Amino acid sequence: MADTTYQPKIYRKQGGDEFVVANGGAITVESGGDVNIESGGGMTAEDGSVFDVAENGSLGYFDTDFTGACLRLRMLSLATSTRRGASTSAHFSGLSNPPDPAYGTYNFSAATAFSEISMALPSAEVGAILIFNFADCVGDANASVCASAGSGITGVSLVDEDGVAWSNFNASAGAYVVLACATAGTWAVIERNAAITGTAAA
């Protein structure tokens, strides 16, 4: 709570240990200026506070700049979930190939004998996350997910956790994989279970 006995909207508390920005005050960092938080320092946002990043602003995270568009994709990735069941042994019902939108979680279901359902990876935009969850596929139900090689889709690459290029991966019943795009055009596996097996690109 601001101390109303002070006239300026920005002031240093008596004793000099704290600066206060009262209602209507502001601190402006001009172009080229910085606010640096050294190791061990921190910034706290209380409940109800707002942190705005403009459309063309950026946020550095793990030494990587994320633009406004990238942050939007990241948020959409976390907030979007789609469920698709197998309609035939070749397709998931209602699923475009490649999947659209190219972000978010896809929960797949398929009964036994629905094998080698195939799909291609969509174009990868920086900031997007794709989660494929085959937990509701049972028995020998499985899917083959292709990158550019042999899928008819161009400009899409796929690499595993060690940066090794894959042409595709097979997802058997119960498979789970998380793909992230940090470089335009490339999906990188950042998490998977043992039911995901990749094929190295030729």
Protein backbone atom coordinates (compact mmCIF):
# COMPACT_ATOMS: atom_id res chain seq x y z
CA MET A 1 0.00 0.00 0.00
CA ALA A 2 1.40 3.36 -1.03
CA ASP A 3 2.05 5.96 1.67
CA THR A 4 -0.25 8.90 0.79
CA THR A 5 1.83 11.32 2.85
CA TYR A 6 4.30 11.34 -0.06
CA GLN A 7 3.41 13.68 -2.93
CA PRO A 8 5.41 12.11 -5.81
CA LYS A 9 4.05 8.89 -7.28
CA ILE A 10 7.56 7.43 -7.21
CA TYR A 11 9.52 7.76 -4.00
CA ARG A 12 12.09 6.10 -1.76
CA LYS A 13 10.79 4.96 1.59
CA GLN A 14 12.22 6.53 4.69
CA GLY A 15 15.43 4.70 5.51
CA GLY A 16 16.28 4.30 1.82
CA ASP A 17 15.74 0.53 1.53
CA GLU A 18 12.77 0.48 -0.86
CA PHE A 19 11.49 2.36 -3.90
CA VAL A 20 7.70 2.61 -4.32
CA VAL A 21 5.68 3.30 -7.47
CA ALA A 22 2.28 4.53 -6.34
CA ASN A 23 -0.97 4.38 -8.31
CA GLY A 24 -0.49 6.43 -11.48
CA GLY A 25 3.31 6.30 -11.35
CA ALA A 26 5.57 4.47 -13.79
CA ILE A 27 9.16 3.52 -14.40
CA THR A 28 10.13 3.82 -18.06
CA VAL A 29 13.13 2.05 -19.55
CA GLU A 30 13.98 3.81 -22.81
CA SER A 31 15.30 2.09 -25.92
CA GLY A 32 18.71 0.62 -25.21
CA GLY A 33 18.16 0.61 -21.44
CA ASP A 34 18.09 -2.49 -19.24
CA VAL A 35 16.91 -3.73 -15.88
CA ASN A 36 19.40 -6.37 -14.74
CA ILE A 37 18.63 -8.97 -12.07
CA GLU A 38 21.83 -10.60 -10.91
CA SER A 39 22.20 -14.20 -9.75
CA GLY A 40 20.24 -14.70 -6.54
CA GLY A 41 17.98 -11.72 -7.23
CA GLY A 42 14.32 -12.12 -8.04
CA MET A 43 11.11 -10.57 -9.28
CA THR A 44 7.73 -11.37 -7.72
CA ALA A 45 4.34 -10.95 -9.40
CA GLU A 46 1.55 -10.98 -6.81
CA ASP A 47 -1.89 -12.47 -7.42
CA GLY A 48 -3.86 -10.24 -9.81
CA SER A 49 -0.80 -8.56 -11.32
CA VAL A 50 -0.37 -8.28 -15.11
CA PHE A 51 2.72 -8.83 -17.25
CA ASP A 52 2.27 -7.67 -20.86
CA VAL A 53 4.44 -8.56 -23.86
CA ALA A 54 3.53 -6.57 -26.98
CA GLU A 55 2.93 -8.40 -30.28
CA ASN A 56 6.45 -7.65 -31.52
CA GLY A 57 8.08 -7.80 -28.10
CA SER A 58 10.32 -10.64 -27.00
CA LEU A 59 11.14 -12.62 -23.91
CA GLY A 60 14.54 -14.22 -23.41
CA TYR A 61 14.33 -17.75 -22.02
CA PHE A 62 17.33 -20.07 -21.68
CA ASP A 63 19.36 -17.64 -23.81
CA THR A 64 16.75 -17.76 -26.59
CA ASP A 65 14.62 -14.81 -27.69
CA PHE A 66 10.92 -15.62 -28.01
CA THR A 67 8.96 -13.11 -30.07
CA GLY A 68 5.35 -12.24 -29.37
CA ALA A 69 4.20 -14.65 -32.10
CA CYS A 70 6.33 -17.41 -30.58
CA LEU A 71 4.87 -16.83 -27.12
CA ARG A 72 1.36 -16.94 -28.58
CA LEU A 73 2.11 -20.32 -30.18
CA ARG A 74 3.52 -21.61 -26.91
CA MET A 75 0.38 -20.59 -25.03
CA LEU A 76 -1.89 -22.10 -27.70
CA SER A 77 0.15 -25.30 -27.51
CA LEU A 78 -0.51 -25.58 -23.79
CA ALA A 79 -4.22 -24.74 -24.07
CA THR A 80 -5.29 -26.82 -27.10
CA SER A 81 -6.38 -30.45 -26.91
CA THR A 82 -7.91 -32.61 -29.67
CA ARG A 83 -9.26 -36.17 -29.49
CA ARG A 84 -9.22 -38.45 -32.52
CA GLY A 85 -10.36 -42.06 -32.76
CA ALA A 86 -9.43 -44.54 -35.50
CA SER A 87 -12.13 -44.90 -38.14
CA THR A 88 -10.27 -47.34 -40.38
CA SER A 89 -6.93 -49.12 -40.33
CA ALA A 90 -5.45 -46.17 -42.22
CA HIS A 91 -6.94 -43.04 -40.69
CA PHE A 92 -7.96 -41.34 -37.48
CA SER A 93 -11.46 -39.93 -37.79
CA GLY A 94 -11.55 -36.21 -38.51
CA LEU A 95 -7.76 -35.89 -38.55
CA SER A 96 -6.26 -33.87 -41.36
CA ASN A 97 -2.95 -35.13 -42.67
CA PRO A 98 -0.75 -33.52 -41.52
CA PRO A 99 -2.56 -32.63 -38.26
CA ASP A 100 -4.03 -29.15 -38.11
CA PRO A 101 -3.53 -27.13 -35.96
CA ALA A 102 0.20 -27.72 -35.80
CA TYR A 103 0.32 -27.38 -32.00
CA GLY A 104 -1.30 -28.69 -28.86
CA THR A 105 -2.15 -32.16 -27.60
CA TYR A 106 -3.63 -34.89 -29.78
CA ASN A 107 -5.19 -37.79 -27.88
CA PHE A 108 -5.58 -40.83 -30.14
CA SER A 109 -7.68 -43.94 -29.62
CA ALA A 110 -7.74 -47.13 -31.69
CA ALA A 111 -8.84 -50.69 -31.13
CA THR A 112 -6.66 -53.72 -31.72
CA ALA A 113 -5.99 -54.57 -35.39
CA PHE A 114 -5.92 -50.89 -36.34
CA SER A 115 -2.28 -51.01 -37.33
CA GLU A 116 0.06 -48.74 -39.27
CA ILE A 117 -2.21 -45.73 -39.24
CA SER A 118 0.02 -43.19 -40.98
CA MET A 119 0.28 -39.44 -40.80
CA ALA A 120 2.83 -36.77 -41.60
CA LEU A 121 4.19 -34.10 -39.32
CA PRO A 122 2.94 -30.56 -40.04
CA SER A 123 5.22 -27.61 -40.77
CA ALA A 124 7.06 -26.53 -37.63
CA GLU A 125 6.88 -22.92 -36.39
CA VAL A 126 9.14 -21.67 -33.62
CA GLY A 127 7.38 -21.84 -30.26
CA ALA A 128 4.98 -24.65 -31.15
CA ILE A 129 4.68 -27.81 -29.09
CA LEU A 130 3.02 -31.01 -30.33
CA ILE A 131 2.04 -33.77 -27.94
CA PHE A 132 0.89 -37.10 -29.36
CA ASN A 133 -0.76 -39.32 -26.77
CA PHE A 134 -1.65 -42.88 -27.84
CA ALA A 135 -2.69 -44.02 -24.35
CA ASP A 136 -6.12 -45.11 -25.62
CA CYS A 137 -4.73 -47.23 -28.45
CA VAL A 138 -4.87 -50.88 -27.42
CA GLY A 139 -3.52 -54.23 -28.53
CA ASP A 140 -1.52 -54.06 -31.74
CA ALA A 141 -2.92 -50.65 -32.75
CA ASN A 142 -0.07 -48.39 -33.82
CA ALA A 143 0.75 -45.38 -35.97
CA SER A 144 3.63 -44.32 -38.18
CA VAL A 145 4.42 -40.59 -38.06
CA CYS A 146 6.62 -39.33 -40.90
CA ALA A 147 8.78 -36.27 -41.40
CA SER A 148 9.62 -35.06 -44.92
CA ALA A 149 11.18 -38.34 -46.02
CA GLY A 150 8.58 -40.42 -47.80
CA SER A 151 5.61 -38.45 -46.49
CA GLY A 152 5.07 -36.09 -49.39
CA ILE A 153 5.50 -33.17 -46.99
CA THR A 154 8.47 -30.91 -47.68
CA GLY A 155 10.41 -28.61 -45.39
CA VAL A 156 9.84 -30.61 -42.20
CA SER A 157 12.67 -32.20 -40.25
CA LEU A 158 12.58 -34.40 -37.17
CA VAL A 159 15.40 -35.01 -34.68
CA ASP A 160 15.63 -37.03 -31.49
CA GLU A 161 16.85 -35.87 -28.08
CA ASP A 162 20.48 -36.16 -29.25
CA GLY A 163 19.93 -34.24 -32.48
CA VAL A 164 19.97 -37.38 -34.67
CA ALA A 165 17.70 -36.98 -37.71
CA TRP A 166 14.71 -39.32 -37.96
CA SER A 167 12.67 -40.00 -41.07
CA ASN A 168 9.74 -41.24 -38.98
CA PHE A 169 8.76 -42.81 -35.70
CA ASN A 170 6.39 -45.61 -34.82
CA ALA A 171 3.94 -45.22 -31.96
CA SER A 172 2.59 -48.45 -30.53
CA ALA A 173 -0.24 -48.76 -28.02
CA GLY A 174 0.30 -46.50 -25.01
CA ALA A 175 2.90 -44.34 -26.76
CA TYR A 176 3.55 -40.75 -25.70
CA VAL A 177 5.83 -38.16 -27.30
CA VAL A 178 6.40 -34.43 -26.95
CA LEU A 179 7.78 -32.49 -29.92
CA ALA A 180 8.94 -28.88 -29.75
CA CYS A 181 10.06 -26.43 -32.41
CA ALA A 182 12.96 -24.14 -31.48
CA THR A 183 14.26 -23.87 -35.07
CA ALA A 184 11.85 -23.16 -37.93
CA GLY A 185 11.08 -26.30 -39.89
CA THR A 186 12.40 -28.76 -37.29
CA TRP A 187 10.52 -30.79 -34.72
CA ALA A 188 12.68 -32.04 -31.85
CA VAL A 189 11.73 -34.89 -29.55
CA ILE A 190 12.02 -33.58 -26.00
CA GLU A 191 10.17 -36.36 -24.20
CA ARG A 192 8.92 -39.84 -25.08
CA ASN A 193 8.22 -43.20 -23.55
CA ALA A 194 9.50 -46.60 -24.62
CA ALA A 195 6.54 -47.14 -26.98
CA ILE A 196 8.02 -44.55 -29.37
CA THR A 197 10.70 -45.93 -31.70
CA GLY A 198 12.41 -43.78 -34.30
CA THR A 199 13.94 -44.61 -37.69
CA ALA A 200 17.17 -42.79 -38.46
CA ALA A 201 17.09 -40.76 -41.66
CA ALA A 202 19.13 -42.18 -44.54
